[in-house]
Amino acid sequence: IARALITRPKLIVADEPVSALDVSVQAQVLNLLADLQRDFGVTY
């Protein structure tokens, strides 16, 4: 996600970004994506 965010893009295409993760980790990553949308205005 940091690699995708590094250029401060307008759009991030997230292709099944949490499907390979444990359920508890999925929630953390989804919350992170929401925080980044709020802080950087990124579109998913």
PDB file of all heavy atoms in Angstrom:
ATOM      1  N   ILE A   1       0.843  -1.199   0.000  1.00  0.00           N
ATOM      2  CA  ILE A   1       0.000   0.000   0.000  1.00  0.00           C
ATOM      3  C   ILE A   1       0.879   1.251   0.000  1.00  0.00           C
ATOM      4  O   ILE A   1       0.589   2.236  -0.695  1.00  0.00           O
ATOM      5  CB  ILE A   1      -0.953  -0.015   1.204  1.00  0.00           C
ATOM      6  CG1 ILE A   1      -1.972  -1.152   1.050  1.00  0.00           C
ATOM      7  CG2 ILE A   1      -1.670   1.323   1.353  1.00  0.00           C
ATOM      8  CD1 ILE A   1      -2.802  -1.410   2.296  1.00  0.00           C
ATOM      9  N   ALA A   2       1.970   1.219   0.767  1.00  0.00           N
ATOM     10  CA  ALA A   2       2.894   2.360   0.778  1.00  0.00           C
ATOM     11  C   ALA A   2       3.476   2.588  -0.613  1.00  0.00           C
ATOM     12  O   ALA A   2       3.625   3.737  -1.057  1.00  0.00           O
ATOM     13  CB  ALA A   2       4.012   2.106   1.784  1.00  0.00           C
ATOM     14  N   ARG A   3       3.816   1.502  -1.304  1.00  0.00           N
ATOM     15  CA  ARG A   3       4.351   1.633  -2.667  1.00  0.00           C
ATOM     16  C   ARG A   3       3.328   2.296  -3.586  1.00  0.00           C
ATOM     17  O   ARG A   3       3.686   3.120  -4.444  1.00  0.00           O
ATOM     18  CB  ARG A   3       4.728   0.255  -3.208  1.00  0.00           C
ATOM     19  CG  ARG A   3       5.245   0.274  -4.635  1.00  0.00           C
ATOM     20  CD  ARG A   3       5.697  -1.105  -5.083  1.00  0.00           C
ATOM     21  NE  ARG A   3       4.622  -2.101  -4.971  1.00  0.00           N
ATOM     22  CZ  ARG A   3       4.812  -3.402  -5.167  1.00  0.00           C
ATOM     23  NH1 ARG A   3       6.011  -3.863  -5.452  1.00  0.00           N
ATOM     24  NH2 ARG A   3       3.794  -4.244  -5.052  1.00  0.00           N
ATOM     25  N   ALA A   4       2.054   1.955  -3.425  1.00  0.00           N
ATOM     26  CA  ALA A   4       1.013   2.576  -4.243  1.00  0.00           C
ATOM     27  C   ALA A   4       0.783   4.026  -3.859  1.00  0.00           C
ATOM     28  O   ALA A   4       0.439   4.856  -4.703  1.00  0.00           O
ATOM     29  CB  ALA A   4      -0.290   1.787  -4.109  1.00  0.00           C
ATOM     30  N   LEU A   5       0.979   4.337  -2.594  1.00  0.00           N
ATOM     31  CA  LEU A   5       0.682   5.679  -2.077  1.00  0.00           C
ATOM     32  C   LEU A   5       1.829   6.665  -2.308  1.00  0.00           C
ATOM     33  O   LEU A   5       1.623   7.874  -2.232  1.00  0.00           O
ATOM     34  CB  LEU A   5       0.370   5.580  -0.589  1.00  0.00           C
ATOM     35  CG  LEU A   5      -0.122   6.821   0.150  1.00  0.00           C
ATOM     36  CD1 LEU A   5      -1.507   7.236  -0.362  1.00  0.00           C
ATOM     37  CD2 LEU A   5      -0.168   6.561   1.657  1.00  0.00           C
ATOM     38  N   ILE A   6       3.026   6.178  -2.591  1.00  0.00           N
ATOM     39  CA  ILE A   6       4.230   6.995  -2.577  1.00  0.00           C
ATOM     40  C   ILE A   6       4.156   8.178  -3.542  1.00  0.00           C
ATOM     41  O   ILE A   6       4.708   9.246  -3.285  1.00  0.00           O
ATOM     42  CB  ILE A   6       5.475   6.120  -2.884  1.00  0.00           C
ATOM     43  CG1 ILE A   6       6.768   6.887  -2.644  1.00  0.00           C
ATOM     44  CG2 ILE A   6       5.426   5.586  -4.312  1.00  0.00           C
ATOM     45  CD1 ILE A   6       7.094   7.077  -1.192  1.00  0.00           C
ATOM     46  N   THR A   7       3.451   8.030  -4.668  1.00  0.00           N
ATOM     47  CA  THR A   7       3.354   9.122  -5.639  1.00  0.00           C
ATOM     48  C   THR A   7       2.196  10.068  -5.343  1.00  0.00           C
ATOM     49  O   THR A   7       1.965  11.007  -6.090  1.00  0.00           O
ATOM     50  CB  THR A   7       3.178   8.574  -7.061  1.00  0.00           C
ATOM     51  OG1 THR A   7       1.955   7.829  -7.133  1.00  0.00           O
ATOM     52  CG2 THR A   7       4.345   7.680  -7.467  1.00  0.00           C
ATOM     53  N   ARG A   8       1.482   9.791  -4.247  1.00  0.00           N
ATOM     54  CA  ARG A   8       0.270  10.546  -3.894  1.00  0.00           C
ATOM     55  C   ARG A   8      -0.742  10.505  -5.045  1.00  0.00           C
ATOM     56  O   ARG A   8      -1.159  11.532  -5.584  1.00  0.00           O
ATOM     57  CB  ARG A   8       0.602  11.999  -3.526  1.00  0.00           C
ATOM     58  CG  ARG A   8       1.599  12.131  -2.377  1.00  0.00           C
ATOM     59  CD  ARG A   8       1.067  11.498  -1.096  1.00  0.00           C
ATOM     60  NE  ARG A   8       1.983  11.637   0.030  1.00  0.00           N
ATOM     61  CZ  ARG A   8       2.859  10.706   0.422  1.00  0.00           C
ATOM     62  NH1 ARG A   8       2.916   9.544  -0.227  1.00  0.00           N
ATOM     63  NH2 ARG A   8       3.651  10.918   1.434  1.00  0.00           N
ATOM     64  N   PRO A   9      -1.132   9.297  -5.448  1.00  0.00           N
ATOM     65  CA  PRO A   9      -2.010   9.153  -6.614  1.00  0.00           C
ATOM     66  C   PRO A   9      -3.428   9.614  -6.330  1.00  0.00           C
ATOM     67  O   PRO A   9      -3.863   9.674  -5.179  1.00  0.00           O
ATOM     68  CB  PRO A   9      -1.976   7.646  -6.873  1.00  0.00           C
ATOM     69  CG  PRO A   9      -1.788   7.056  -5.505  1.00  0.00           C
ATOM     70  CD  PRO A   9      -0.854   8.003  -4.802  1.00  0.00           C
ATOM     71  N   LYS A  10      -4.135   9.898  -7.396  1.00  0.00           N
ATOM     72  CA  LYS A  10      -5.562  10.219  -7.286  1.00  0.00           C
ATOM     73  C   LYS A  10      -6.393   8.943  -7.187  1.00  0.00           C
ATOM     74  O   LYS A  10      -7.456   8.936  -6.559  1.00  0.00           O
ATOM     75  CB  LYS A  10      -6.024  11.024  -8.510  1.00  0.00           C
ATOM     76  CG  LYS A  10      -5.209  12.269  -8.787  1.00  0.00           C
ATOM     77  CD  LYS A  10      -5.273  13.253  -7.630  1.00  0.00           C
ATOM     78  CE  LYS A  10      -4.499  14.529  -7.989  1.00  0.00           C
ATOM     79  NZ  LYS A  10      -4.462  15.468  -6.835  1.00  0.00           N
ATOM     80  N   LEU A  11      -5.924   7.855  -7.829  1.00  0.00           N
ATOM     81  CA  LEU A  11      -6.668   6.595  -7.892  1.00  0.00           C
ATOM     82  C   LEU A  11      -5.761   5.437  -7.520  1.00  0.00           C
ATOM     83  O   LEU A  11      -4.619   5.350  -7.996  1.00  0.00           O
ATOM     84  CB  LEU A  11      -7.213   6.371  -9.307  1.00  0.00           C
ATOM     85  CG  LEU A  11      -7.883   5.018  -9.583  1.00  0.00           C
ATOM     86  CD1 LEU A  11      -9.205   4.908  -8.825  1.00  0.00           C
ATOM     87  CD2 LEU A  11      -8.097   4.816 -11.082  1.00  0.00           C
ATOM     88  N   ILE A  12      -6.264   4.551  -6.658  1.00  0.00           N
ATOM     89  CA  ILE A  12      -5.590   3.292  -6.368  1.00  0.00           C
ATOM     90  C   ILE A  12      -6.542   2.153  -6.739  1.00  0.00           C
ATOM     91  O   ILE A  12      -7.674   2.114  -6.268  1.00  0.00           O
ATOM     92  CB  ILE A  12      -5.180   3.171  -4.892  1.00  0.00           C
ATOM     93  CG1 ILE A  12      -4.035   4.155  -4.579  1.00  0.00           C
ATOM     94  CG2 ILE A  12      -4.749   1.736  -4.561  1.00  0.00           C
ATOM     95  CD1 ILE A  12      -3.572   4.104  -3.126  1.00  0.00           C
ATOM     96  N   VAL A  13      -6.071   1.273  -7.610  1.00  0.00           N
ATOM     97  CA  VAL A  13      -6.828   0.068  -7.955  1.00  0.00           C
ATOM     98  C   VAL A  13      -6.385  -1.031  -6.987  1.00  0.00           C
ATOM     99  O   VAL A  13      -5.213  -1.416  -6.974  1.00  0.00           O
ATOM    100  CB  VAL A  13      -6.566  -0.359  -9.410  1.00  0.00           C
ATOM    101  CG1 VAL A  13      -7.304  -1.665  -9.720  1.00  0.00           C
ATOM    102  CG2 VAL A  13      -7.013   0.740 -10.372  1.00  0.00           C
ATOM    103  N   ALA A  14      -7.302  -1.497  -6.160  1.00  0.00           N
ATOM    104  CA  ALA A  14      -7.003  -2.520  -5.159  1.00  0.00           C
ATOM    105  C   ALA A  14      -7.657  -3.822  -5.598  1.00  0.00           C
ATOM    106  O   ALA A  14      -8.881  -3.960  -5.538  1.00  0.00           O
ATOM    107  CB  ALA A  14      -7.517  -2.084  -3.786  1.00  0.00           C
ATOM    108  N   ASP A  15      -6.843  -4.779  -6.051  1.00  0.00           N
ATOM    109  CA  ASP A  15      -7.350  -6.040  -6.587  1.00  0.00           C
ATOM    110  C   ASP A  15      -7.279  -7.107  -5.495  1.00  0.00           C
ATOM    111  O   ASP A  15      -6.213  -7.654  -5.221  1.00  0.00           O
ATOM    112  CB  ASP A  15      -6.523  -6.459  -7.798  1.00  0.00           C
ATOM    113  CG  ASP A  15      -7.127  -7.651  -8.535  1.00  0.00           C
ATOM    114  OD1 ASP A  15      -8.208  -8.118  -8.116  1.00  0.00           O
ATOM    115  OD2 ASP A  15      -6.518  -8.104  -9.521  1.00  0.00           O
ATOM    116  N   GLU A  16      -8.410  -7.392  -4.859  1.00  0.00           N
ATOM    117  CA  GLU A  16      -8.491  -8.375  -3.770  1.00  0.00           C
ATOM    118  C   GLU A  16      -7.408  -8.109  -2.720  1.00  0.00           C
ATOM    119  O   GLU A  16      -6.630  -9.006  -2.371  1.00  0.00           O
ATOM    120  CB  GLU A  16      -8.340  -9.798  -4.324  1.00  0.00           C
ATOM    121  CG  GLU A  16      -9.378 -10.196  -5.346  1.00  0.00           C
ATOM    122  CD  GLU A  16     -10.673 -10.705  -4.719  1.00  0.00           C
ATOM    123  OE1 GLU A  16     -10.813 -10.587  -3.492  1.00  0.00           O
ATOM    124  OE2 GLU A  16     -11.534 -11.206  -5.458  1.00  0.00           O
ATOM    125  N   PRO A  17      -7.326  -6.902  -2.170  1.00  0.00           N
ATOM    126  CA  PRO A  17      -6.165  -6.541  -1.340  1.00  0.00           C
ATOM    127  C   PRO A  17      -6.115  -7.217   0.021  1.00  0.00           C
ATOM    128  O   PRO A  17      -5.074  -7.169   0.685  1.00  0.00           O
ATOM    129  CB  PRO A  17      -6.318  -5.023  -1.189  1.00  0.00           C
ATOM    130  CG  PRO A  17      -7.791  -4.789  -1.279  1.00  0.00           C
ATOM    131  CD  PRO A  17      -8.275  -5.784  -2.301  1.00  0.00           C
ATOM    132  N   VAL A  18      -7.216  -7.839   0.475  1.00  0.00           N
ATOM    133  CA  VAL A  18      -7.194  -8.464   1.799  1.00  0.00           C
ATOM    134  C   VAL A  18      -7.542  -9.943   1.767  1.00  0.00           C
ATOM    135  O   VAL A  18      -7.569 -10.600   2.805  1.00  0.00           O
ATOM    136  CB  VAL A  18      -8.148  -7.733   2.779  1.00  0.00           C
ATOM    137  CG1 VAL A  18      -7.718  -6.291   2.971  1.00  0.00           C
ATOM    138  CG2 VAL A  18      -9.593  -7.813   2.307  1.00  0.00           C
ATOM    139  N   SER A  19      -7.796 -10.505   0.605  1.00  0.00           N
ATOM    140  CA  SER A  19      -8.284 -11.884   0.534  1.00  0.00           C
ATOM    141  C   SER A  19      -7.242 -12.901   0.991  1.00  0.00           C
ATOM    142  O   SER A  19      -7.593 -14.011   1.407  1.00  0.00           O
ATOM    143  CB  SER A  19      -8.745 -12.212  -0.887  1.00  0.00           C
ATOM    144  OG  SER A  19      -7.661 -12.141  -1.798  1.00  0.00           O
ATOM    145  N   ALA A  20      -5.947 -12.557   0.916  1.00  0.00           N
ATOM    146  CA  ALA A  20      -4.902 -13.491   1.320  1.00  0.00           C
ATOM    147  C   ALA A  20      -4.514 -13.343   2.788  1.00  0.00           C
ATOM    148  O   ALA A  20      -3.590 -14.017   3.246  1.00  0.00           O
ATOM    149  CB  ALA A  20      -3.662 -13.291   0.438  1.00  0.00           C
ATOM    150  N   LEU A  21      -5.214 -12.491   3.526  1.00  0.00           N
ATOM    151  CA  LEU A  21      -4.854 -12.196   4.905  1.00  0.00           C
ATOM    152  C   LEU A  21      -5.825 -12.844   5.882  1.00  0.00           C
ATOM    153  O   LEU A  21      -6.980 -13.126   5.549  1.00  0.00           O
ATOM    154  CB  LEU A  21      -4.851 -10.678   5.126  1.00  0.00           C
ATOM    155  CG  LEU A  21      -3.968  -9.849   4.181  1.00  0.00           C
ATOM    156  CD1 LEU A  21      -4.140  -8.368   4.482  1.00  0.00           C
ATOM    157  CD2 LEU A  21      -2.509 -10.261   4.291  1.00  0.00           C
ATOM    158  N   ASP A  22      -5.354 -13.066   7.111  1.00  0.00           N
ATOM    159  CA  ASP A  22      -6.231 -13.550   8.169  1.00  0.00           C
ATOM    160  C   ASP A  22      -7.333 -12.529   8.422  1.00  0.00           C
ATOM    161  O   ASP A  22      -7.157 -11.327   8.193  1.00  0.00           O
ATOM    162  CB  ASP A  22      -5.443 -13.778   9.456  1.00  0.00           C
ATOM    163  CG  ASP A  22      -4.447 -14.923   9.332  1.00  0.00           C
ATOM    164  OD1 ASP A  22      -4.644 -15.766   8.434  1.00  0.00           O
ATOM    165  OD2 ASP A  22      -3.475 -14.954  10.100  1.00  0.00           O
ATOM    166  N   VAL A  23      -8.463 -13.006   8.946  1.00  0.00           N
ATOM    167  CA  VAL A  23      -9.619 -12.139   9.138  1.00  0.00           C
ATOM    168  C   VAL A  23      -9.291 -10.956  10.039  1.00  0.00           C
ATOM    169  O   VAL A  23      -9.676  -9.816   9.764  1.00  0.00           O
ATOM    170  CB  VAL A  23     -10.806 -12.943   9.717  1.00  0.00           C
ATOM    171  CG1 VAL A  23     -11.960 -12.013  10.063  1.00  0.00           C
ATOM    172  CG2 VAL A  23     -11.262 -14.002   8.724  1.00  0.00           C
ATOM    173  N   SER A  24      -8.564 -11.193  11.129  1.00  0.00           N
ATOM    174  CA  SER A  24      -8.239 -10.102  12.047  1.00  0.00           C
ATOM    175  C   SER A  24      -7.346  -9.065  11.380  1.00  0.00           C
ATOM    176  O   SER A  24      -7.479  -7.853  11.629  1.00  0.00           O
ATOM    177  CB  SER A  24      -7.546 -10.664  13.296  1.00  0.00           C
ATOM    178  OG  SER A  24      -6.345 -11.336  12.939  1.00  0.00           O
ATOM    179  N   VAL A  25      -6.438  -9.524  10.512  1.00  0.00           N
ATOM    180  CA  VAL A  25      -5.548  -8.610   9.800  1.00  0.00           C
ATOM    181  C   VAL A  25      -6.310  -7.872   8.703  1.00  0.00           C
ATOM    182  O   VAL A  25      -6.025  -6.712   8.405  1.00  0.00           O
ATOM    183  CB  VAL A  25      -4.346  -9.374   9.224  1.00  0.00           C
ATOM    184  CG1 VAL A  25      -3.405  -8.440   8.462  1.00  0.00           C
ATOM    185  CG2 VAL A  25      -3.593 -10.089  10.341  1.00  0.00           C
ATOM    186  N   GLN A  26      -7.291  -8.549   8.093  1.00  0.00           N
ATOM    187  CA  GLN A  26      -8.117  -7.896   7.077  1.00  0.00           C
ATOM    188  C   GLN A  26      -8.734  -6.616   7.618  1.00  0.00           C
ATOM    189  O   GLN A  26      -8.719  -5.571   6.953  1.00  0.00           O
ATOM    190  CB  GLN A  26      -9.230  -8.840   6.613  1.00  0.00           C
ATOM    191  CG  GLN A  26      -8.784  -9.966   5.712  1.00  0.00           C
ATOM    192  CD  GLN A  26      -9.955 -10.794   5.212  1.00  0.00           C
ATOM    193  OE1 GLN A  26     -11.104 -10.382   5.302  1.00  0.00           O
ATOM    194  NE2 GLN A  26      -9.668 -11.964   4.663  1.00  0.00           N
ATOM    195  N   ALA A  27      -9.293  -6.688   8.825  1.00  0.00           N
ATOM    196  CA  ALA A  27      -9.945  -5.517   9.418  1.00  0.00           C
ATOM    197  C   ALA A  27      -8.953  -4.376   9.589  1.00  0.00           C
ATOM    198  O   ALA A  27      -9.284  -3.205   9.332  1.00  0.00           O
ATOM    199  CB  ALA A  27     -10.568  -5.897  10.753  1.00  0.00           C
ATOM    200  N   GLN A  28      -7.729  -4.691   9.994  1.00  0.00           N
ATOM    201  CA  GLN A  28      -6.712  -3.658  10.179  1.00  0.00           C
ATOM    202  C   GLN A  28      -6.366  -2.979   8.856  1.00  0.00           C
ATOM    203  O   GLN A  28      -6.250  -1.752   8.789  1.00  0.00           O
ATOM    204  CB  GLN A  28      -5.457  -4.275  10.801  1.00  0.00           C
ATOM    205  CG  GLN A  28      -5.650  -4.841  12.194  1.00  0.00           C
ATOM    206  CD  GLN A  28      -4.435  -5.611  12.678  1.00  0.00           C
ATOM    207  OE1 GLN A  28      -3.345  -5.509  12.112  1.00  0.00           O
ATOM    208  NE2 GLN A  28      -4.611  -6.403  13.721  1.00  0.00           N
ATOM    209  N   VAL A  29      -6.219  -3.777   7.812  1.00  0.00           N
ATOM    210  CA  VAL A  29      -5.855  -3.225   6.508  1.00  0.00           C
ATOM    211  C   VAL A  29      -7.007  -2.395   5.930  1.00  0.00           C
ATOM    212  O   VAL A  29      -6.793  -1.322   5.347  1.00  0.00           O
ATOM    213  CB  VAL A  29      -5.437  -4.346   5.541  1.00  0.00           C
ATOM    214  CG1 VAL A  29      -5.242  -3.801   4.126  1.00  0.00           C
ATOM    215  CG2 VAL A  29      -4.161  -5.016   6.031  1.00  0.00           C
ATOM    216  N   LEU A  30      -8.233  -2.875   6.107  1.00  0.00           N
ATOM    217  CA  LEU A  30      -9.388  -2.109   5.625  1.00  0.00           C
ATOM    218  C   LEU A  30      -9.506  -0.781   6.353  1.00  0.00           C
ATOM    219  O   LEU A  30      -9.811   0.255   5.737  1.00  0.00           O
ATOM    220  CB  LEU A  30     -10.665  -2.931   5.801  1.00  0.00           C
ATOM    221  CG  LEU A  30     -10.794  -4.164   4.902  1.00  0.00           C
ATOM    222  CD1 LEU A  30     -12.033  -4.961   5.279  1.00  0.00           C
ATOM    223  CD2 LEU A  30     -10.832  -3.779   3.433  1.00  0.00           C
ATOM    224  N   ASN A  31      -9.265  -0.784   7.652  1.00  0.00           N
ATOM    225  CA  ASN A  31      -9.288   0.473   8.409  1.00  0.00           C
ATOM    226  C   ASN A  31      -8.180   1.407   7.942  1.00  0.00           C
ATOM    227  O   ASN A  31      -8.375   2.629   7.864  1.00  0.00           O
ATOM    228  CB  ASN A  31      -9.151   0.191   9.904  1.00  0.00           C
ATOM    229  CG  ASN A  31     -10.401  -0.440  10.492  1.00  0.00           C
ATOM    230  OD1 ASN A  31     -11.490  -0.272   9.969  1.00  0.00           O
ATOM    231  ND2 ASN A  31     -10.240  -1.179  11.574  1.00  0.00           N
ATOM    232  N   LEU A  32      -7.020   0.834   7.618  1.00  0.00           N
ATOM    233  CA  LEU A  32      -5.925   1.647   7.096  1.00  0.00           C
ATOM    234  C   LEU A  32      -6.319   2.299   5.779  1.00  0.00           C
ATOM    235  O   LEU A  32      -6.075   3.502   5.574  1.00  0.00           O
ATOM    236  CB  LEU A  32      -4.683   0.772   6.897  1.00  0.00           C
ATOM    237  CG  LEU A  32      -3.530   1.427   6.138  1.00  0.00           C
ATOM    238  CD1 LEU A  32      -2.987   2.622   6.897  1.00  0.00           C
ATOM    239  CD2 LEU A  32      -2.421   0.404   5.862  1.00  0.00           C
ATOM    240  N   LEU A  33      -6.927   1.545   4.872  1.00  0.00           N
ATOM    241  CA  LEU A  33      -7.351   2.109   3.593  1.00  0.00           C
ATOM    242  C   LEU A  33      -8.336   3.255   3.792  1.00  0.00           C
ATOM    243  O   LEU A  33      -8.272   4.279   3.099  1.00  0.00           O
ATOM    244  CB  LEU A  33      -7.972   1.011   2.725  1.00  0.00           C
ATOM    245  CG  LEU A  33      -7.015  -0.068   2.216  1.00  0.00           C
ATOM    246  CD1 LEU A  33      -7.795  -1.176   1.514  1.00  0.00           C
ATOM    247  CD2 LEU A  33      -5.958   0.518   1.299  1.00  0.00           C
ATOM    248  N   ALA A  34      -9.241   3.091   4.757  1.00  0.00           N
ATOM    249  CA  ALA A  34     -10.202   4.164   5.053  1.00  0.00           C
ATOM    250  C   ALA A  34      -9.487   5.396   5.595  1.00  0.00           C
ATOM    251  O   ALA A  34      -9.819   6.538   5.228  1.00  0.00           O
ATOM    252  CB  ALA A  34     -11.246   3.663   6.046  1.00  0.00           C
ATOM    253  N   ASP A  35      -8.507   5.189   6.456  1.00  0.00           N
ATOM    254  CA  ASP A  35      -7.752   6.317   7.017  1.00  0.00           C
ATOM    255  C   ASP A  35      -6.986   7.056   5.924  1.00  0.00           C
ATOM    256  O   ASP A  35      -6.934   8.299   5.908  1.00  0.00           O
ATOM    257  CB  ASP A  35      -6.783   5.827   8.085  1.00  0.00           C
ATOM    258  CG  ASP A  35      -7.475   5.330   9.344  1.00  0.00           C
ATOM    259  OD1 ASP A  35      -8.667   5.668   9.539  1.00  0.00           O
ATOM    260  OD2 ASP A  35      -6.832   4.601  10.120  1.00  0.00           O
ATOM    261  N   LEU A  36      -6.387   6.306   5.009  1.00  0.00           N
ATOM    262  CA  LEU A  36      -5.625   6.937   3.930  1.00  0.00           C
ATOM    263  C   LEU A  36      -6.538   7.714   2.989  1.00  0.00           C
ATOM    264  O   LEU A  36      -6.160   8.782   2.480  1.00  0.00           O
ATOM    265  CB  LEU A  36      -4.853   5.866   3.147  1.00  0.00           C
ATOM    266  CG  LEU A  36      -3.767   5.122   3.933  1.00  0.00           C
ATOM    267  CD1 LEU A  36      -3.144   4.029   3.071  1.00  0.00           C
ATOM    268  CD2 LEU A  36      -2.690   6.089   4.421  1.00  0.00           C
ATOM    269  N   GLN A  37      -7.741   7.206   2.771  1.00  0.00           N
ATOM    270  CA  GLN A  37      -8.694   7.941   1.947  1.00  0.00           C
ATOM    271  C   GLN A  37      -9.055   9.266   2.601  1.00  0.00           C
ATOM    272  O   GLN A  37      -9.141  10.302   1.936  1.00  0.00           O
ATOM    273  CB  GLN A  37      -9.943   7.101   1.723  1.00  0.00           C
ATOM    274  CG  GLN A  37     -10.942   7.733   0.759  1.00  0.00           C
ATOM    275  CD  GLN A  37     -12.045   6.771   0.381  1.00  0.00           C
ATOM    276  OE1 GLN A  37     -12.777   6.305   1.248  1.00  0.00           O
ATOM    277  NE2 GLN A  37     -12.169   6.460  -0.893  1.00  0.00           N
ATOM    278  N   ARG A  38      -9.247   9.232   3.904  1.00  0.00           N
ATOM    279  CA  ARG A  38      -9.561  10.455   4.645  1.00  0.00           C
ATOM    280  C   ARG A  38      -8.387  11.433   4.634  1.00  0.00           C
ATOM    281  O   ARG A  38      -8.566  12.636   4.415  1.00  0.00           O
ATOM    282  CB  ARG A  38      -9.912  10.088   6.084  1.00  0.00           C
ATOM    283  CG  ARG A  38     -10.244  11.277   6.991  1.00  0.00           C
ATOM    284  CD  ARG A  38     -10.180  10.856   8.436  1.00  0.00           C
ATOM    285  NE  ARG A  38      -8.822  10.460   8.794  1.00  0.00           N
ATOM    286  CZ  ARG A  38      -8.535   9.530   9.694  1.00  0.00           C
ATOM    287  NH1 ARG A  38      -9.491   8.848  10.308  1.00  0.00           N
ATOM    288  NH2 ARG A  38      -7.265   9.230   9.971  1.00  0.00           N
ATOM    289  N   ASP A  39      -7.169  10.939   4.838  1.00  0.00           N
ATOM    290  CA  ASP A  39      -6.009  11.807   4.994  1.00  0.00           C
ATOM    291  C   ASP A  39      -5.448  12.300   3.667  1.00  0.00           C
ATOM    292  O   ASP A  39      -4.920  13.421   3.590  1.00  0.00           O
ATOM    293  CB  ASP A  39      -4.905  11.077   5.767  1.00  0.00           C
ATOM    294  CG  ASP A  39      -5.316  10.736   7.201  1.00  0.00           C
ATOM    295  OD1 ASP A  39      -6.261  11.380   7.711  1.00  0.00           O
ATOM    296  OD2 ASP A  39      -4.696   9.827   7.787  1.00  0.00           O
ATOM    297  N   PHE A  40      -5.542  11.468   2.619  1.00  0.00           N
ATOM    298  CA  PHE A  40      -4.904  11.812   1.340  1.00  0.00           C
ATOM    299  C   PHE A  40      -5.904  12.053   0.217  1.00  0.00           C
ATOM    300  O   PHE A  40      -5.503  12.421  -0.887  1.00  0.00           O
ATOM    301  CB  PHE A  40      -3.924  10.711   0.923  1.00  0.00           C
ATOM    302  CG  PHE A  40      -2.727  10.584   1.828  1.00  0.00           C
ATOM    303  CD1 PHE A  40      -2.740   9.699   2.897  1.00  0.00           C
ATOM    304  CD2 PHE A  40      -1.599  11.350   1.622  1.00  0.00           C
ATOM    305  CE1 PHE A  40      -1.647   9.572   3.742  1.00  0.00           C
ATOM    306  CE2 PHE A  40      -0.494  11.235   2.455  1.00  0.00           C
ATOM    307  CZ  PHE A  40      -0.517  10.348   3.528  1.00  0.00           C
ATOM    308  N   GLY A  41      -7.188  11.813   0.490  1.00  0.00           N
ATOM    309  CA  GLY A  41      -8.204  12.037  -0.537  1.00  0.00           C
ATOM    310  C   GLY A  41      -8.136  11.065  -1.695  1.00  0.00           C
ATOM    311  O   GLY A  41      -8.623  11.364  -2.789  1.00  0.00           O
ATOM    312  N   VAL A  42      -7.546   9.885  -1.465  1.00  0.00           N
ATOM    313  CA  VAL A  42      -7.374   8.924  -2.548  1.00  0.00           C
ATOM    314  C   VAL A  42      -8.710   8.277  -2.910  1.00  0.00           C
ATOM    315  O   VAL A  42      -9.596   8.114  -2.066  1.00  0.00           O
ATOM    316  CB  VAL A  42      -6.339   7.847  -2.150  1.00  0.00           C
ATOM    317  CG1 VAL A  42      -6.842   7.012  -0.997  1.00  0.00           C
ATOM    318  CG2 VAL A  42      -5.982   6.964  -3.325  1.00  0.00           C
ATOM    319  N   THR A  43      -8.866   7.944  -4.162  1.00  0.00           N
ATOM    320  CA  THR A  43     -10.038   7.248  -4.679  1.00  0.00           C
ATOM    321  C   THR A  43      -9.675   5.788  -4.903  1.00  0.00           C
ATOM    322  O   THR A  43      -8.585   5.488  -5.401  1.00  0.00           O
ATOM    323  CB  THR A  43     -10.484   7.880  -6.011  1.00  0.00           C
ATOM    324  OG1 THR A  43     -10.757   9.262  -5.803  1.00  0.00           O
ATOM    325  CG2 THR A  43     -11.722   7.183  -6.563  1.00  0.00           C
ATOM    326  N   TYR A  44     -10.573   4.873  -4.538  1.00  0.00           N
ATOM    327  CA  TYR A  44     -10.302   3.450  -4.707  1.00  0.00           C
ATOM    328  C   TYR A  44     -11.231   2.831  -5.744  1.00  0.00           C
ATOM    329  O   TYR A  44     -12.436   3.082  -5.734  1.00  0.00           O
ATOM    330  CB  TYR A  44     -10.500   2.682  -3.396  1.00  0.00           C
ATOM    331  CG  TYR A  44      -9.535   3.032  -2.294  1.00  0.00           C
ATOM    332  CD1 TYR A  44      -9.991   3.543  -1.084  1.00  0.00           C
ATOM    333  CD2 TYR A  44      -8.164   2.841  -2.448  1.00  0.00           C
ATOM    334  CE1 TYR A  44      -9.118   3.859  -0.060  1.00  0.00           C
ATOM    335  CE2 TYR A  44      -7.283   3.163  -1.435  1.00  0.00           C
ATOM    336  CZ  TYR A  44      -7.761   3.665  -0.242  1.00  0.00           C
ATOM    337  OH  TYR A  44      -6.890   3.987   0.763  1.00  0.00           O
TER     338      TYR A  44
END
